[in-house]
Amino acid sequence: MNNFIKERDEILKNLDSPDVMVDVMSYCKKYNIQMPSDTEVALAGLHKARLYVINPEITDEMRVNSKLWLLNHNYNLDIE
């Protein structure tokens, strides 16, 4: 479980990278996680995760970037 969380958090830290979906797809394949067929929906889930994850390495700036991404793409900030 430790590597799972470590690798997840690395993805969340690098969520603003243009190549992040390559890492996401690799992570999901490694841990047999089914991805949504729509990349934007996957990114919305990741931005919500980064917004709410408890990890001191996720900075306030990263959280603000995720909040703005969600709002700019017409997603709410709640976890439903």
Protein backbone atom coordinates (compact mmCIF):
# COMPACT_ATOMS: atom_id res chain seq x y z
CA MET A 1 0.00 0.00 0.00
CA ASN A 2 2.89 2.34 0.70
CA ASN A 3 4.11 2.39 -2.94
CA PHE A 4 0.55 2.81 -4.16
CA ILE A 5 0.12 5.99 -2.13
CA LYS A 6 3.63 7.26 -2.86
CA GLU A 7 3.13 6.86 -6.60
CA ARG A 8 -0.35 8.40 -6.43
CA ASP A 9 0.99 11.42 -4.60
CA GLU A 10 3.77 11.87 -7.17
CA ILE A 11 1.13 12.03 -9.87
CA LEU A 12 -0.86 14.56 -7.86
CA LYS A 13 2.25 16.70 -7.36
CA ASN A 14 2.95 16.66 -11.10
CA LEU A 15 -0.63 17.12 -12.22
CA ASP A 16 0.17 20.37 -14.02
CA SER A 17 2.70 18.63 -16.28
CA PRO A 18 1.54 18.31 -19.90
CA ASP A 19 2.60 14.63 -19.92
CA VAL A 20 0.86 13.65 -16.69
CA MET A 21 -1.63 11.35 -18.45
CA VAL A 22 1.23 9.06 -19.51
CA ASP A 23 2.09 8.58 -15.84
CA VAL A 24 -1.59 8.20 -14.92
CA MET A 25 -2.14 5.49 -17.52
CA SER A 26 0.97 3.62 -16.37
CA TYR A 27 -0.11 3.87 -12.72
CA CYS A 28 -3.61 2.64 -13.52
CA LYS A 29 -2.29 -0.26 -15.53
CA LYS A 30 0.14 -1.22 -12.77
CA TYR A 31 -2.59 -1.23 -10.10
CA ASN A 32 -5.41 -2.48 -12.35
CA ILE A 33 -7.46 0.71 -11.96
CA GLN A 34 -10.13 1.31 -14.57
CA MET A 35 -9.88 4.76 -16.14
CA PRO A 36 -12.80 6.80 -17.45
CA SER A 37 -12.90 6.87 -21.23
CA ASP A 38 -12.90 10.68 -21.16
CA THR A 39 -9.50 12.15 -20.25
CA GLU A 40 -11.09 15.35 -18.94
CA VAL A 41 -13.19 13.36 -16.47
CA ALA A 42 -10.06 11.56 -15.28
CA LEU A 43 -8.27 14.89 -14.84
CA ALA A 44 -11.24 16.29 -12.92
CA GLY A 45 -11.03 13.36 -10.50
CA LEU A 46 -7.30 13.86 -10.09
CA HIS A 47 -7.70 17.59 -9.47
CA LYS A 48 -10.37 16.88 -6.86
CA ALA A 49 -8.05 14.34 -5.25
CA ARG A 50 -5.23 16.88 -5.13
CA LEU A 51 -7.58 19.47 -3.67
CA TYR A 52 -8.56 17.22 -0.75
CA VAL A 53 -5.63 14.86 -0.19
CA ILE A 54 -3.87 15.15 3.16
CA ASN A 55 -0.23 15.44 2.21
CA PRO A 56 2.14 18.24 3.26
CA GLU A 57 3.94 17.98 -0.11
CA ILE A 58 0.81 19.23 -1.89
CA THR A 59 1.28 22.98 -1.71
CA ASP A 60 -1.36 25.68 -1.45
CA GLU A 61 -0.36 26.76 -4.97
CA MET A 62 -1.06 23.25 -6.28
CA ARG A 63 -4.45 23.26 -4.58
CA VAL A 64 -5.28 26.67 -6.05
CA ASN A 65 -4.26 25.42 -9.51
CA SER A 66 -6.55 22.43 -9.11
CA LYS A 67 -9.42 24.59 -7.88
CA LEU A 68 -9.00 26.91 -10.87
CA TRP A 69 -8.76 23.98 -13.30
CA LEU A 70 -12.00 22.54 -11.97
CA LEU A 71 -13.85 25.85 -12.08
CA ASN A 72 -12.51 26.70 -15.57
CA HIS A 73 -13.79 23.33 -16.82
CA ASN A 74 -17.21 23.78 -15.17
CA TYR A 75 -16.76 21.17 -12.45
CA ASN A 76 -17.89 21.77 -8.89
CA LEU A 77 -15.39 21.49 -6.07
CA ASP A 78 -17.35 18.91 -4.06
CA ILE A 79 -16.56 15.23 -3.94
CA GLU A 80 -19.71 13.40 -4.90
